[in-house]
N, C-alpha and C. Protein backbone atom coordinates (compact mmCIF):
# COMPACT_ATOMS: atom_id res chain seq x y z
N UNK A 1 -17.20 -1.40 4.23
CA UNK A 1 -15.79 -1.10 4.37
C UNK A 1 -15.14 -1.19 3.01
N UNK A 2 -14.54 -0.11 2.56
CA UNK A 2 -13.92 -0.07 1.25
C UNK A 2 -12.65 -0.91 1.24
N UNK A 3 -11.83 -0.80 2.21
CA UNK A 3 -10.59 -1.57 2.29
C UNK A 3 -9.53 -0.79 3.05
N UNK A 4 -8.47 -1.47 3.43
CA UNK A 4 -7.42 -0.83 4.22
C UNK A 4 -6.66 0.22 3.42
N UNK A 5 -6.75 0.17 2.11
CA UNK A 5 -6.08 1.15 1.25
C UNK A 5 -6.83 2.47 1.18
N UNK A 6 -8.04 2.54 1.71
CA UNK A 6 -8.89 3.72 1.61
C UNK A 6 -8.54 4.71 2.72
N UNK A 7 -7.56 5.55 2.45
CA UNK A 7 -7.06 6.49 3.45
C UNK A 7 -7.40 7.95 3.14
N UNK A 8 -8.23 8.18 2.13
CA UNK A 8 -8.57 9.55 1.76
C UNK A 8 -9.79 10.04 2.53
N UNK A 9 -9.84 11.34 2.73
CA UNK A 9 -10.97 11.99 3.38
C UNK A 9 -11.56 13.00 2.41
N UNK A 10 -12.88 12.97 2.27
CA UNK A 10 -13.58 13.92 1.40
C UNK A 10 -14.54 14.73 2.26
N UNK A 11 -15.02 15.83 1.70
CA UNK A 11 -16.06 16.62 2.35
C UNK A 11 -17.25 16.68 1.42
N UNK A 12 -18.39 16.21 1.91
CA UNK A 12 -19.63 16.28 1.15
C UNK A 12 -20.27 17.64 1.41
N UNK A 13 -20.66 18.33 0.34
CA UNK A 13 -21.34 19.62 0.47
C UNK A 13 -22.73 19.45 -0.11
N UNK A 14 -23.74 19.77 0.70
CA UNK A 14 -25.13 19.62 0.28
C UNK A 14 -25.80 20.99 0.32
N UNK A 15 -26.45 21.39 -0.78
CA UNK A 15 -27.10 22.70 -0.79
C UNK A 15 -28.36 22.70 0.06
N UNK A 16 -28.70 23.87 0.57
CA UNK A 16 -30.02 24.05 1.15
C UNK A 16 -31.00 24.21 -0.01
N UNK A 17 -32.21 24.57 0.28
CA UNK A 17 -33.19 24.82 -0.79
C UNK A 17 -33.86 26.17 -0.57
N UNK A 18 -34.30 26.74 -1.65
CA UNK A 18 -35.09 27.97 -1.59
C UNK A 18 -36.15 27.89 -2.67
N UNK A 19 -37.20 28.65 -2.49
CA UNK A 19 -38.30 28.66 -3.44
C UNK A 19 -38.11 29.80 -4.43
N UNK A 20 -38.13 29.46 -5.71
CA UNK A 20 -38.03 30.46 -6.77
C UNK A 20 -39.19 30.21 -7.73
N UNK A 21 -40.09 31.18 -7.82
CA UNK A 21 -41.26 31.08 -8.71
C UNK A 21 -42.06 29.80 -8.47
N UNK A 22 -42.17 29.41 -7.21
CA UNK A 22 -42.97 28.25 -6.85
C UNK A 22 -42.25 26.92 -6.93
N UNK A 23 -40.97 26.92 -7.27
CA UNK A 23 -40.20 25.67 -7.34
C UNK A 23 -39.06 25.70 -6.34
N UNK A 24 -38.79 24.56 -5.72
CA UNK A 24 -37.64 24.45 -4.83
C UNK A 24 -36.38 24.24 -5.66
N UNK A 25 -35.37 25.07 -5.43
CA UNK A 25 -34.10 25.00 -6.16
C UNK A 25 -32.95 24.96 -5.15
N UNK A 26 -31.80 24.43 -5.57
CA UNK A 26 -30.64 24.41 -4.65
C UNK A 26 -30.22 25.82 -4.24
N UNK A 27 -29.83 25.96 -2.98
CA UNK A 27 -29.33 27.22 -2.44
C UNK A 27 -27.94 26.96 -1.88
N UNK A 28 -26.92 27.20 -2.70
CA UNK A 28 -25.53 26.92 -2.28
C UNK A 28 -25.06 27.90 -1.21
N UNK A 29 -25.76 29.01 -1.03
CA UNK A 29 -25.44 29.94 0.05
C UNK A 29 -25.81 29.40 1.42
N UNK A 30 -26.66 28.37 1.45
CA UNK A 30 -27.09 27.74 2.69
C UNK A 30 -26.65 26.28 2.74
N UNK A 31 -25.47 26.00 2.21
CA UNK A 31 -24.99 24.61 2.13
C UNK A 31 -24.48 24.12 3.48
N UNK A 32 -24.60 22.80 3.65
CA UNK A 32 -24.04 22.14 4.84
C UNK A 32 -22.93 21.20 4.38
N UNK A 33 -22.04 20.85 5.29
CA UNK A 33 -20.94 19.97 4.91
C UNK A 33 -20.78 18.83 5.92
N UNK A 34 -20.16 17.76 5.45
CA UNK A 34 -19.92 16.59 6.27
C UNK A 34 -18.60 15.96 5.84
N UNK A 35 -17.69 15.74 6.78
CA UNK A 35 -16.41 15.10 6.48
C UNK A 35 -16.61 13.58 6.51
N UNK A 36 -16.12 12.90 5.46
CA UNK A 36 -16.27 11.45 5.34
C UNK A 36 -14.88 10.84 5.15
N UNK A 37 -14.47 10.01 6.09
CA UNK A 37 -13.16 9.34 6.03
C UNK A 37 -13.34 7.94 5.46
N UNK A 38 -12.22 7.27 5.22
CA UNK A 38 -12.26 5.90 4.74
C UNK A 38 -12.59 5.78 3.27
N UNK A 39 -12.19 6.79 2.49
CA UNK A 39 -12.46 6.81 1.05
C UNK A 39 -11.19 6.54 0.26
N UNK A 40 -11.36 6.21 -1.00
CA UNK A 40 -10.25 6.08 -1.94
C UNK A 40 -10.61 6.88 -3.18
N UNK A 41 -9.84 7.94 -3.46
CA UNK A 41 -10.09 8.79 -4.62
C UNK A 41 -8.99 8.51 -5.64
N UNK A 42 -9.42 8.14 -6.85
CA UNK A 42 -8.49 7.75 -7.91
C UNK A 42 -8.74 8.56 -9.17
N UNK A 43 -7.67 8.85 -9.94
CA UNK A 43 -7.86 9.54 -11.22
C UNK A 43 -8.74 8.70 -12.13
N UNK A 44 -9.59 9.36 -12.90
CA UNK A 44 -10.47 8.64 -13.83
C UNK A 44 -10.21 9.13 -15.25
N UNK A 45 -10.93 10.14 -15.67
CA UNK A 45 -10.81 10.60 -17.05
C UNK A 45 -10.49 12.08 -17.09
N UNK A 46 -9.99 12.49 -18.22
CA UNK A 46 -9.77 13.91 -18.47
C UNK A 46 -10.14 14.16 -19.92
N UNK A 47 -10.58 15.37 -20.23
CA UNK A 47 -11.02 15.65 -21.59
C UNK A 47 -10.76 17.11 -21.92
N UNK A 48 -10.35 17.36 -23.14
CA UNK A 48 -10.16 18.72 -23.64
C UNK A 48 -11.36 19.08 -24.49
N UNK A 49 -12.01 20.19 -24.18
CA UNK A 49 -13.16 20.66 -24.96
C UNK A 49 -12.73 21.92 -25.70
N UNK A 50 -12.84 21.87 -27.01
CA UNK A 50 -12.43 22.99 -27.85
C UNK A 50 -13.56 23.26 -28.83
N UNK A 51 -14.57 23.99 -28.39
CA UNK A 51 -15.75 24.17 -29.24
C UNK A 51 -15.72 25.46 -30.06
N UNK A 52 -14.59 26.12 -30.10
CA UNK A 52 -14.48 27.36 -30.87
C UNK A 52 -14.69 28.61 -30.06
N UNK A 53 -15.33 28.49 -28.90
CA UNK A 53 -15.55 29.65 -28.05
C UNK A 53 -14.58 29.67 -26.87
N UNK A 54 -14.43 28.52 -26.23
CA UNK A 54 -13.56 28.44 -25.07
C UNK A 54 -12.74 27.16 -25.12
N UNK A 55 -11.63 27.19 -24.46
CA UNK A 55 -10.82 26.00 -24.28
C UNK A 55 -11.07 25.54 -22.85
N UNK A 56 -11.62 24.35 -22.70
CA UNK A 56 -11.95 23.86 -21.37
C UNK A 56 -11.39 22.47 -21.15
N UNK A 57 -11.12 22.17 -19.90
CA UNK A 57 -10.61 20.85 -19.54
C UNK A 57 -11.51 20.28 -18.46
N UNK A 58 -11.94 19.03 -18.67
CA UNK A 58 -12.71 18.31 -17.67
C UNK A 58 -11.74 17.37 -16.96
N UNK A 59 -11.76 17.44 -15.65
CA UNK A 59 -10.92 16.57 -14.82
C UNK A 59 -11.85 15.63 -14.07
N UNK A 60 -11.68 14.33 -14.26
CA UNK A 60 -12.56 13.36 -13.61
C UNK A 60 -11.83 12.50 -12.59
N UNK A 61 -12.53 12.16 -11.52
CA UNK A 61 -12.02 11.28 -10.48
C UNK A 61 -13.11 10.27 -10.15
N UNK A 62 -12.69 9.12 -9.64
CA UNK A 62 -13.63 8.14 -9.12
C UNK A 62 -13.36 8.02 -7.62
N UNK A 63 -14.41 8.13 -6.84
CA UNK A 63 -14.28 8.04 -5.39
C UNK A 63 -15.04 6.81 -4.91
N UNK A 64 -14.37 5.97 -4.15
CA UNK A 64 -15.00 4.83 -3.48
C UNK A 64 -15.07 5.19 -2.01
N UNK A 65 -16.27 5.19 -1.46
CA UNK A 65 -16.45 5.58 -0.07
C UNK A 65 -17.32 4.55 0.65
N UNK A 66 -17.43 4.67 1.96
CA UNK A 66 -18.22 3.69 2.71
C UNK A 66 -19.64 3.56 2.16
N UNK A 67 -20.14 2.36 2.17
CA UNK A 67 -21.45 2.01 1.61
C UNK A 67 -22.58 2.86 2.17
N UNK A 68 -22.49 3.18 3.46
CA UNK A 68 -23.57 3.92 4.11
C UNK A 68 -23.28 5.43 4.24
N UNK A 69 -22.34 5.94 3.44
CA UNK A 69 -22.01 7.37 3.49
C UNK A 69 -23.24 8.21 3.12
N UNK A 70 -23.41 9.34 3.80
CA UNK A 70 -24.55 10.23 3.55
C UNK A 70 -24.23 11.12 2.34
N UNK A 71 -24.39 10.55 1.15
CA UNK A 71 -24.13 11.25 -0.10
C UNK A 71 -25.29 10.95 -1.04
N UNK A 72 -25.76 11.99 -1.74
CA UNK A 72 -26.87 11.81 -2.66
C UNK A 72 -26.68 12.66 -3.92
N UNK A 73 -27.54 12.40 -4.90
CA UNK A 73 -27.49 13.19 -6.13
C UNK A 73 -27.61 14.67 -5.80
N UNK A 74 -26.88 15.50 -6.52
CA UNK A 74 -26.94 16.94 -6.29
C UNK A 74 -25.91 17.46 -5.31
N UNK A 75 -25.28 16.57 -4.55
CA UNK A 75 -24.21 16.99 -3.63
C UNK A 75 -22.95 17.32 -4.43
N UNK A 76 -22.06 18.02 -3.80
CA UNK A 76 -20.73 18.26 -4.35
C UNK A 76 -19.71 17.65 -3.40
N UNK A 77 -18.53 17.37 -3.91
CA UNK A 77 -17.48 16.75 -3.12
C UNK A 77 -16.23 17.61 -3.18
N UNK A 78 -15.67 17.91 -2.02
CA UNK A 78 -14.36 18.59 -1.96
C UNK A 78 -13.31 17.55 -1.64
N UNK A 79 -12.22 17.61 -2.41
CA UNK A 79 -11.10 16.70 -2.18
C UNK A 79 -9.82 17.40 -2.60
N UNK A 80 -8.85 17.37 -1.77
CA UNK A 80 -7.53 17.94 -2.07
C UNK A 80 -7.63 19.40 -2.51
N UNK A 81 -8.52 20.15 -1.87
CA UNK A 81 -8.66 21.58 -2.13
C UNK A 81 -9.48 21.92 -3.36
N UNK A 82 -10.05 20.92 -4.05
CA UNK A 82 -10.83 21.17 -5.25
C UNK A 82 -12.27 20.69 -5.04
N UNK A 83 -13.20 21.32 -5.74
CA UNK A 83 -14.61 20.95 -5.63
C UNK A 83 -15.07 20.27 -6.91
N UNK A 84 -15.72 19.12 -6.74
CA UNK A 84 -16.21 18.31 -7.86
C UNK A 84 -17.72 18.16 -7.77
N UNK A 85 -18.37 18.02 -8.91
CA UNK A 85 -19.79 17.65 -8.93
C UNK A 85 -19.85 16.13 -9.13
N UNK A 86 -20.94 15.54 -8.67
CA UNK A 86 -21.15 14.10 -8.88
C UNK A 86 -21.87 13.95 -10.21
N UNK A 87 -21.25 13.26 -11.14
CA UNK A 87 -21.84 13.02 -12.45
C UNK A 87 -22.69 11.75 -12.36
N UNK A 88 -24.00 11.92 -12.41
CA UNK A 88 -24.91 10.78 -12.26
C UNK A 88 -25.23 10.56 -10.79
N UNK A 89 -25.80 9.41 -10.52
CA UNK A 89 -26.18 9.07 -9.15
C UNK A 89 -25.08 8.28 -8.46
N UNK A 90 -24.95 8.42 -7.13
CA UNK A 90 -24.04 7.54 -6.39
C UNK A 90 -24.45 6.09 -6.62
N UNK A 91 -23.47 5.21 -6.79
CA UNK A 91 -23.77 3.81 -7.07
C UNK A 91 -23.30 2.96 -5.91
N UNK A 92 -24.21 2.16 -5.37
CA UNK A 92 -23.86 1.29 -4.25
C UNK A 92 -23.51 -0.10 -4.78
N UNK A 93 -22.36 -0.61 -4.32
CA UNK A 93 -21.88 -1.93 -4.70
C UNK A 93 -21.88 -2.80 -3.46
N UNK A 94 -22.70 -3.84 -3.47
CA UNK A 94 -22.80 -4.72 -2.30
C UNK A 94 -21.92 -5.94 -2.53
N UNK A 95 -21.00 -6.16 -1.61
CA UNK A 95 -20.10 -7.31 -1.66
C UNK A 95 -20.85 -8.57 -1.26
N UNK A 96 -20.58 -9.70 -1.92
CA UNK A 96 -21.23 -10.95 -1.52
C UNK A 96 -20.94 -11.33 -0.07
N UNK A 97 -19.77 -10.94 0.42
CA UNK A 97 -19.43 -11.26 1.80
C UNK A 97 -19.79 -10.12 2.75
N UNK A 98 -20.13 -8.96 2.18
CA UNK A 98 -20.55 -7.82 3.00
C UNK A 98 -19.41 -6.99 3.56
N UNK A 99 -18.19 -7.46 3.48
CA UNK A 99 -17.09 -6.72 4.11
C UNK A 99 -16.37 -5.78 3.14
N UNK A 100 -16.74 -5.75 1.88
CA UNK A 100 -16.11 -4.83 0.93
C UNK A 100 -17.14 -4.00 0.17
N UNK A 101 -18.34 -3.88 0.71
CA UNK A 101 -19.38 -3.07 0.07
C UNK A 101 -18.92 -1.61 0.06
N UNK A 102 -19.28 -0.88 -0.99
CA UNK A 102 -18.88 0.52 -1.08
C UNK A 102 -19.84 1.30 -1.95
N UNK A 103 -19.65 2.60 -1.96
CA UNK A 103 -20.40 3.51 -2.82
C UNK A 103 -19.40 4.13 -3.79
N UNK A 104 -19.77 4.17 -5.06
CA UNK A 104 -18.90 4.74 -6.08
C UNK A 104 -19.47 6.07 -6.54
N UNK A 105 -18.61 7.09 -6.61
CA UNK A 105 -18.99 8.41 -7.10
C UNK A 105 -18.15 8.74 -8.31
N UNK A 106 -18.79 9.15 -9.39
CA UNK A 106 -18.06 9.64 -10.56
C UNK A 106 -18.01 11.16 -10.43
N UNK A 107 -16.82 11.69 -10.23
CA UNK A 107 -16.65 13.12 -9.94
C UNK A 107 -16.09 13.85 -11.16
N UNK A 108 -16.53 15.10 -11.36
CA UNK A 108 -16.03 15.94 -12.45
C UNK A 108 -15.87 17.37 -11.98
N UNK A 109 -14.91 18.03 -12.60
CA UNK A 109 -14.80 19.48 -12.45
C UNK A 109 -14.29 20.04 -13.77
N UNK A 110 -14.71 21.23 -14.09
CA UNK A 110 -14.32 21.87 -15.36
C UNK A 110 -13.45 23.08 -15.09
N UNK A 111 -12.44 23.26 -15.92
CA UNK A 111 -11.60 24.45 -15.89
C UNK A 111 -11.67 25.09 -17.27
N UNK A 112 -11.75 26.40 -17.30
CA UNK A 112 -11.71 27.10 -18.60
C UNK A 112 -12.98 27.73 -18.98
């Protein structure tokens, strides 16, 4: 349980898989989704990328969701009409008392 303040709902999007040249790769055309309530999504970081070719902005969020949420590396998260990728692996935080355990997701999306 994240806490009583966790009133946000996210949608987890998981790709299917397809074989390309003998390797299994994500197939976003065959994605499945799952609505997950009891989350808290908070602003994290933002960054301006100006490498001479394009002007891009990275928008980051941190999502705290239930400890046992069905989320894994490679999934995407929809929140507030926007789609984010999970940067790194989902991190599970176990509370010493067990009543505040949660999973942390570092979310990113790029514009530009």
